[in-house]
PDB file of N, CA and C in Angstrom:
ATOM      1  N   MET A   1     115.435 112.273  78.495  1.00  0.00           N
ATOM      2  CA  MET A   1     116.081 112.470  79.771  1.00  0.00           C
ATOM      3  C   MET A   1     116.315 113.943  80.014  1.00  0.00           C
ATOM      4  N   THR A   2     116.417 114.259  81.269  1.00  0.00           N
ATOM      5  CA  THR A   2     116.680 115.631  81.678  1.00  0.00           C
ATOM      6  C   THR A   2     118.080 115.716  82.259  1.00  0.00           C
ATOM      7  N   ALA A   3     118.795 116.730  81.850  1.00  0.00           N
ATOM      8  CA  ALA A   3     120.132 116.959  82.394  1.00  0.00           C
ATOM      9  C   ALA A   3     120.008 117.888  83.589  1.00  0.00           C
ATOM     10  N   MET A   4     120.872 117.660  84.592  1.00  0.00           N
ATOM     11  CA  MET A   4     120.885 118.557  85.735  1.00  0.00           C
ATOM     12  C   MET A   4     122.313 118.719  86.238  1.00  0.00           C
ATOM     13  N   THR A   5     122.556 119.862  86.829  1.00  0.00           N
ATOM     14  CA  THR A   5     123.850 120.133  87.431  1.00  0.00           C
ATOM     15  C   THR A   5     123.748 119.822  88.907  1.00  0.00           C
ATOM     16  N   LEU A   6     124.738 119.117  89.411  1.00  0.00           N
ATOM     17  CA  LEU A   6     124.717 118.708  90.805  1.00  0.00           C
ATOM     18  C   LEU A   6     126.049 119.054  91.434  1.00  0.00           C
ATOM     19  N   ASN A   7     126.018 119.797  92.516  1.00  0.00           N
ATOM     20  CA  ASN A   7     127.226 120.140  93.251  1.00  0.00           C
ATOM     21  C   ASN A   7     127.348 119.196  94.447  1.00  0.00           C
ATOM     22  N   LEU A   8     128.462 118.471  94.503  1.00  0.00           N
ATOM     23  CA  LEU A   8     128.726 117.548  95.597  1.00  0.00           C
ATOM     24  C   LEU A   8     130.019 117.939  96.290  1.00  0.00           C
ATOM     25  N   PRO A   9     130.087 117.685  97.577  1.00  0.00           N
ATOM     26  CA  PRO A   9     131.384 117.856  98.228  1.00  0.00           C
ATOM     27  C   PRO A   9     132.397 116.909  97.575  1.00  0.00           C
ATOM     28  N   GLU A  10     133.623 117.325  97.529  1.00  0.00           N
ATOM     29  CA  GLU A  10     134.672 116.556  96.845  1.00  0.00           C
ATOM     30  C   GLU A  10     134.765 115.123  97.387  1.00  0.00           C
ATOM     31  N   SER A  11     134.655 114.976  98.695  1.00  0.00           N
ATOM     32  CA  SER A  11     134.783 113.641  99.291  1.00  0.00           C
ATOM     33  C   SER A  11     133.666 112.708  98.826  1.00  0.00           C
ATOM     34  N   ILE A  12     132.453 113.218  98.704  1.00  0.00           N
ATOM     35  CA  ILE A  12     131.336 112.397  98.230  1.00  0.00           C
ATOM     36  C   ILE A  12     131.526 112.064  96.761  1.00  0.00           C
ATOM     37  N   HIS A  13     131.968 113.039  95.980  1.00  0.00           N
ATOM     38  CA  HIS A  13     132.194 112.799  94.555  1.00  0.00           C
ATOM     39  C   HIS A  13     133.235 111.708  94.340  1.00  0.00           C
ATOM     40  N   ARG A  14     134.315 111.760  95.085  1.00  0.00           N
ATOM     41  CA  ARG A  14     135.353 110.713  94.953  1.00  0.00           C
ATOM     42  C   ARG A  14     134.781 109.343  95.279  1.00  0.00           C
ATOM     43  N   ARG A  15     133.982 109.286  96.340  1.00  0.00           N
ATOM     44  CA  ARG A  15     133.403 107.991  96.746  1.00  0.00           C
ATOM     45  C   ARG A  15     132.422 107.477  95.692  1.00  0.00           C
ATOM     46  N   VAL A  16     131.637 108.383  95.132  1.00  0.00           N
ATOM     47  CA  VAL A  16     130.704 107.994  94.066  1.00  0.00           C
ATOM     48  C   VAL A  16     131.476 107.446  92.872  1.00  0.00           C
ATOM     49  N   GLU A  17     132.543 108.107  92.507  1.00  0.00           N
ATOM     50  CA  GLU A  17     133.361 107.616  91.390  1.00  0.00           C
ATOM     51  C   GLU A  17     133.912 106.222  91.685  1.00  0.00           C
ATOM     52  N   GLU A  18     134.407 106.028  92.894  1.00  0.00           N
ATOM     53  CA  GLU A  18     134.953 104.718  93.270  1.00  0.00           C
ATOM     54  C   GLU A  18     133.891 103.625  93.195  1.00  0.00           C
ATOM     55  N   LEU A  19     132.734 103.904  93.756  1.00  0.00           N
ATOM     56  CA  LEU A  19     131.674 102.896  93.786  1.00  0.00           C
ATOM     57  C   LEU A  19     131.095 102.633  92.400  1.00  0.00           C
ATOM     58  N   ALA A  20     130.977 103.671  91.611  1.00  0.00           N
ATOM     59  CA  ALA A  20     130.482 103.490  90.245  1.00  0.00           C
ATOM     60  C   ALA A  20     131.444 102.617  89.445  1.00  0.00           C
ATOM     61  N   GLN A  21     132.733 102.882  89.595  1.00  0.00           N
ATOM     62  CA  GLN A  21     133.736 102.082  88.894  1.00  0.00           C
ATOM     63  C   GLN A  21     133.683 100.633  89.369  1.00  0.00           C
ATOM     64  N   ARG A  22     133.556 100.440  90.666  1.00  0.00           N
ATOM     65  CA  ARG A  22     133.483  99.082  91.217  1.00  0.00           C
ATOM     66  C   ARG A  22     132.256  98.334  90.686  1.00  0.00           C
ATOM     67  N   ASP A  23     131.138  99.063  90.526  1.00  0.00           N
ATOM     68  CA  ASP A  23     129.915  98.451  89.994  1.00  0.00           C
ATOM     69  C   ASP A  23     129.918  98.351  88.473  1.00  0.00           C
ATOM     70  N   GLY A  24     130.906  98.964  87.836  1.00  0.00           N
ATOM     71  CA  GLY A  24     130.995  98.901  86.387  1.00  0.00           C
ATOM     72  C   GLY A  24     129.964  99.751  85.665  1.00  0.00           C
ATOM     73  N   VAL A  25     129.580 100.867  86.299  1.00  0.00           N
ATOM     74  CA  VAL A  25     128.614 101.777  85.678  1.00  0.00           C
ATOM     75  C   VAL A  25     129.193 103.181  85.680  1.00  0.00           C
ATOM     76  N   SER A  26     128.561 104.048  84.909  1.00  0.00           N
ATOM     77  CA  SER A  26     128.999 105.443  84.888  1.00  0.00           C
ATOM     78  C   SER A  26     128.545 106.146  86.164  1.00  0.00           C
ATOM     79  N   VAL A  27     129.161 107.279  86.438  1.00  0.00           N
ATOM     80  CA  VAL A  27     128.761 108.081  87.592  1.00  0.00           C
ATOM     81  C   VAL A  27     127.308 108.507  87.422  1.00  0.00           C
ATOM     82  N   ASP A  28     126.927 108.894  86.218  1.00  0.00           N
ATOM     83  CA  ASP A  28     125.535 109.292  85.960  1.00  0.00           C
ATOM     84  C   ASP A  28     124.573 108.159  86.293  1.00  0.00           C
ATOM     85  N   GLN A  29     124.907 106.957  85.847  1.00  0.00           N
ATOM     86  CA  GLN A  29     124.035 105.806  86.115  1.00  0.00           C
ATOM     87  C   GLN A  29     123.991 105.502  87.606  1.00  0.00           C
ATOM     88  N   PHE A  30     125.118 105.595  88.267  1.00  0.00           N
ATOM     89  CA  PHE A  30     125.179 105.340  89.705  1.00  0.00           C
ATOM     90  C   PHE A  30     124.286 106.323  90.466  1.00  0.00           C
ATOM     91  N   VAL A  31     124.410 107.604  90.133  1.00  0.00           N
ATOM     92  CA  VAL A  31     123.608 108.631  90.810  1.00  0.00           C
ATOM     93  C   VAL A  31     122.128 108.444  90.485  1.00  0.00           C
ATOM     94  N   ALA A  32     121.789 108.149  89.238  1.00  0.00           N
ATOM     95  CA  ALA A  32     120.387 107.935  88.861  1.00  0.00           C
ATOM     96  C   ALA A  32     119.802 106.755  89.632  1.00  0.00           C
ATOM     97  N   THR A  33     120.581 105.691  89.782  1.00  0.00           N
ATOM     98  CA  THR A  33     120.114 104.530  90.528  1.00  0.00           C
ATOM     99  C   THR A  33     119.941 104.864  92.004  1.00  0.00           C
ATOM    100  N   ALA A  34     120.871 105.625  92.560  1.00  0.00           N
ATOM    101  CA  ALA A  34     120.775 106.020  93.968  1.00  0.00           C
ATOM    102  C   ALA A  34     119.519 106.869  94.208  1.00  0.00           C
ATOM    103  N   VAL A  35     119.236 107.780  93.297  1.00  0.00           N
ATOM    104  CA  VAL A  35     118.044 108.615  93.425  1.00  0.00           C
ATOM    105  C   VAL A  35     116.785 107.748  93.308  1.00  0.00           C
ATOM    106  N   ALA A  36     116.790 106.810  92.367  1.00  0.00           N
ATOM    107  CA  ALA A  36     115.640 105.911  92.212  1.00  0.00           C
ATOM    108  C   ALA A  36     115.424 105.086  93.474  1.00  0.00           C
ATOM    109  N   GLU A  37     116.492 104.607  94.082  1.00  0.00           N
ATOM    110  CA  GLU A  37     116.371 103.840  95.324  1.00  0.00           C
ATOM    111  C   GLU A  37     115.787 104.696  96.438  1.00  0.00           C
ATOM    112  N   LYS A  38     116.208 105.944  96.546  1.00  0.00           N
ATOM    113  CA  LYS A  38     115.679 106.840  97.574  1.00  0.00           C
ATOM    114  C   LYS A  38     114.201 107.113  97.333  1.00  0.00           C
ATOM    115  N   LEU A  39     113.818 107.344  96.081  1.00  0.00           N
ATOM    116  CA  LEU A  39     112.413 107.565  95.756  1.00  0.00           C
ATOM    117  C   LEU A  39     111.580 106.343  96.129  1.00  0.00           C
ATOM    118  N   SER A  40     112.108 105.172  95.852  1.00  0.00           N
ATOM    119  CA  SER A  40     111.412 103.942  96.187  1.00  0.00           C
ATOM    120  C   SER A  40     111.237 103.798  97.698  1.00  0.00           C
ATOM    121  N   ALA A  41     112.272 104.114  98.447  1.00  0.00           N
ATOM    122  CA  ALA A  41     112.198 104.027  99.901  1.00  0.00           C
ATOM    123  C   ALA A  41     111.147 104.989 100.453  1.00  0.00           C
ATOM    124  N   LEU A  42     111.112 106.199  99.934  1.00  0.00           N
ATOM    125  CA  LEU A  42     110.125 107.174 100.397  1.00  0.00           C
ATOM    126  C   LEU A  42     108.713 106.756 100.014  1.00  0.00           C
ATOM    127  N   ALA A  43     108.553 106.201  98.821  1.00  0.00           N
ATOM    128  CA  ALA A  43     107.239 105.720  98.388  1.00  0.00           C
ATOM    129  C   ALA A  43     106.783 104.568  99.273  1.00  0.00           C
ATOM    130  N   THR A  44     107.714 103.720  99.677  1.00  0.00           N
ATOM    131  CA  THR A  44     107.378 102.594 100.548  1.00  0.00           C
ATOM    132  C   THR A  44     106.907 103.087 101.901  1.00  0.00           C
ATOM    133  N   VAL A  45     107.560 104.086 102.448  1.00  0.00           N
ATOM    134  CA  VAL A  45     107.144 104.659 103.728  1.00  0.00           C
ATOM    135  C   VAL A  45     105.723 105.205 103.611  1.00  0.00           C
ATOM    136  N   ASP A  46     105.446 105.922 102.527  1.00  0.00           N
ATOM    137  CA  ASP A  46     104.102 106.469 102.319  1.00  0.00           C
ATOM    138  C   ASP A  46     103.068 105.351 102.197  1.00  0.00           C
ATOM    139  N   TYR A  47     103.413 104.315 101.436  1.00  0.00           N
ATOM    140  CA  TYR A  47     102.507 103.184 101.243  1.00  0.00           C
ATOM    141  C   TYR A  47     102.206 102.498 102.574  1.00  0.00           C
ATOM    142  N   LEU A  48     103.240 102.242 103.363  1.00  0.00           N
ATOM    143  CA  LEU A  48     103.034 101.573 104.645  1.00  0.00           C
ATOM    144  C   LEU A  48     102.238 102.440 105.614  1.00  0.00           C
ATOM    145  N   ALA A  49     102.444 103.732 105.572  1.00  0.00           N
ATOM    146  CA  ALA A  49     101.671 104.631 106.429  1.00  0.00           C
ATOM    147  C   ALA A  49     100.191 104.580 106.057  1.00  0.00           C
ATOM    148  N   GLU A  50      99.900 104.555 104.768  1.00  0.00           N
ATOM    149  CA  GLU A  50      98.512 104.449 104.319  1.00  0.00           C
ATOM    150  C   GLU A  50      97.904 103.118 104.726  1.00  0.00           C
ATOM    151  N   ARG A  51      98.666 102.037 104.570  1.00  0.00           N
ATOM    152  CA  ARG A  51      98.177 100.712 104.982  1.00  0.00           C
ATOM    153  C   ARG A  51      97.940 100.659 106.482  1.00  0.00           C
ATOM    154  N   ALA A  52      98.795 101.291 107.241  1.00  0.00           N
ATOM    155  CA  ALA A  52      98.663 101.284 108.700  1.00  0.00           C
ATOM    156  C   ALA A  52      97.371 101.970 109.136  1.00  0.00           C
ATOM    157  N   LYS A  53      96.946 102.975 108.404  1.00  0.00           N
ATOM    158  CA  LYS A  53      95.704 103.686 108.742  1.00  0.00           C
ATOM    159  C   LYS A  53      94.496 102.755 108.654  1.00  0.00           C
ATOM    160  N   ARG A  54      94.581 101.748 107.783  1.00  0.00           N
ATOM    161  CA  ARG A  54      93.452 100.826 107.588  1.00  0.00           C
ATOM    162  C   ARG A  54      93.434  99.711 108.622  1.00  0.00           C
ATOM    163  N   GLY A  55      94.531  99.538 109.335  1.00  0.00           N
ATOM    164  CA  GLY A  55      94.615  98.452 110.298  1.00  0.00           C
ATOM    165  C   GLY A  55      93.978  98.822 111.625  1.00  0.00           C
ATOM    166  N   SER A  56      93.737  97.793 112.431  1.00  0.00           N
ATOM    167  CA  SER A  56      93.224  98.050 113.773  1.00  0.00           C
ATOM    168  C   SER A  56      93.790  97.004 114.722  1.00  0.00           C
ATOM    169  N   ARG A  57      93.923  97.382 115.943  1.00  0.00           N
ATOM    170  CA  ARG A  57      94.439  96.469 116.960  1.00  0.00           C
ATOM    171  C   ARG A  57      93.504  95.269 117.131  1.00  0.00           C
ATOM    172  N   GLU A  58      92.205  95.525 117.063  1.00  0.00           N
ATOM    173  CA  GLU A  58      91.230  94.449 117.235  1.00  0.00           C
ATOM    174  C   GLU A  58      91.368  93.388 116.136  1.00  0.00           C
ATOM    175  N   LYS A  59      91.513  93.826 114.886  1.00  0.00           N
ATOM    176  CA  LYS A  59      91.673  92.873 113.782  1.00  0.00           C
ATOM    177  C   LYS A  59      92.976  92.088 113.935  1.00  0.00           C
ATOM    178  N   PHE A  60      94.024  92.776 114.340  1.00  0.00           N
ATOM    179  CA  PHE A  60      95.306  92.114 114.547  1.00  0.00           C
ATOM    180  C   PHE A  60      95.186  91.030 115.613  1.00  0.00           C
ATOM    181  N   GLU A  61      94.581  91.372 116.726  1.00  0.00           N
ATOM    182  CA  GLU A  61      94.430  90.410 117.810  1.00  0.00           C
ATOM    183  C   GLU A  61      93.517  89.252 117.420  1.00  0.00           C
ATOM    184  N   ALA A  62      92.513  89.511 116.596  1.00  0.00           N
ATOM    185  CA  ALA A  62      91.625  88.440 116.137  1.00  0.00           C
ATOM    186  C   ALA A  62      92.386  87.435 115.280  1.00  0.00           C
ATOM    187  N   VAL A  63      93.245  87.924 114.412  1.00  0.00           N
ATOM    188  CA  VAL A  63      94.055  87.033 113.575  1.00  0.00           C
ATOM    189  C   VAL A  63      95.071  86.299 114.434  1.00  0.00           C
ATOM    190  N   LEU A  64      95.695  87.002 115.334  1.00  0.00           N
ATOM    191  CA  LEU A  64      96.704  86.393 116.196  1.00  0.00           C
ATOM    192  C   LEU A  64      96.094  85.293 117.075  1.00  0.00           C
ATOM    193  N   ALA A  65      94.850  85.473 117.476  1.00  0.00           N
ATOM    194  CA  ALA A  65      94.174  84.480 118.316  1.00  0.00           C
ATOM    195  C   ALA A  65      93.981  83.148 117.576  1.00  0.00           C
ATOM    196  N   LYS A  66      94.012  83.171 116.255  1.00  0.00           N
ATOM    197  CA  LYS A  66      93.844  81.947 115.462  1.00  0.00           C
ATOM    198  C   LYS A  66      95.124  81.115 115.375  1.00  0.00           C
ATOM    199  N   VAL A  67      96.234  81.681 115.789  1.00  0.00           N
ATOM    200  CA  VAL A  67      97.510  80.968 115.718  1.00  0.00           C
ATOM    201  C   VAL A  67      97.567  79.970 116.865  1.00  0.00           C
ATOM    202  N   PRO A  68      97.838  78.698 116.555  1.00  0.00           N
ATOM    203  CA  PRO A  68      97.880  77.703 117.625  1.00  0.00           C
ATOM    204  C   PRO A  68      99.009  77.982 118.611  1.00  0.00           C
ATOM    205  N   ASP A  69      98.751  77.696 119.881  1.00  0.00           N
ATOM    206  CA  ASP A  69      99.737  77.896 120.933  1.00  0.00           C
ATOM    207  C   ASP A  69     100.542  76.608 121.094  1.00  0.00           C
ATOM    208  N   ARG A  70     101.666  76.553 120.398  1.00  0.00           N
ATOM    209  CA  ARG A  70     102.502  75.357 120.480  1.00  0.00           C
ATOM    210  C   ARG A  70     103.961  75.748 120.313  1.00  0.00           C
ATOM    211  N   GLU A  71     104.824  74.835 120.639  1.00  0.00           N
ATOM    212  CA  GLU A  71     106.256  75.066 120.523  1.00  0.00           C
ATOM    213  C   GLU A  71     106.646  75.190 119.043  1.00  0.00           C
ATOM    214  N   PRO A  72     107.649  76.022 118.751  1.00  0.00           N
ATOM    215  CA  PRO A  72     108.097  76.141 117.367  1.00  0.00           C
ATOM    216  C   PRO A  72     108.808  74.857 116.905  1.00  0.00           C
ATOM    217  N   GLU A  73     108.863  74.690 115.604  1.00  0.00           N
ATOM    218  CA  GLU A  73     109.607  73.587 115.016  1.00  0.00           C
ATOM    219  C   GLU A  73     111.070  73.700 115.455  1.00  0.00           C
ATOM    220  N   PRO A  74     111.790  72.588 115.540  1.00  0.00           N
ATOM    221  CA  PRO A  74     113.191  72.654 115.990  1.00  0.00           C
ATOM    222  C   PRO A  74     114.052  73.652 115.205  1.00  0.00           C
ATOM    223  N   HIS A  75     113.854  73.754 113.903  1.00  0.00           N
ATOM    224  CA  HIS A  75     114.687  74.660 113.094  1.00  0.00           C
ATOM    225  C   HIS A  75     114.308  76.140 113.295  1.00  0.00           C
ATOM    226  N   ASP A  76     113.167  76.400 113.974  1.00  0.00           N
ATOM    227  CA  ASP A  76     112.747  77.775 114.226  1.00  0.00           C
ATOM    228  C   ASP A  76     113.045  78.233 115.653  1.00  0.00           C
ATOM    229  N   ARG A  77     113.611  77.367 116.452  1.00  0.00           N
ATOM    230  CA  ARG A  77     113.898  77.733 117.842  1.00  0.00           C
ATOM    231  C   ARG A  77     115.124  78.630 117.923  1.00  0.00           C
ATOM    232  N   LEU A  78     115.114  79.476 118.913  1.00  0.00           N
ATOM    233  CA  LEU A  78     116.271  80.359 119.134  1.00  0.00           C
ATOM    234  C   LEU A  78     117.321  79.670 119.952  1.00  0.00           C
TER     235      LEU A  78
END
């Protein structure tokens, strides 16, 4: 593992301590998990952007045209 120094505003630090205690983890673990979640979110955005480049409106409409035109099931109605 790598150690790093992190400067946080006092209000954020207090909140991190509160939430870490509530979750039953250390502040270090809480911050590491938060960073991992942010990295995952950014990776997901990149992945979806790459997938979107491969898509086309024509292919989407072709698939959508295969869906039968009928009323939704009772449990799916708004």
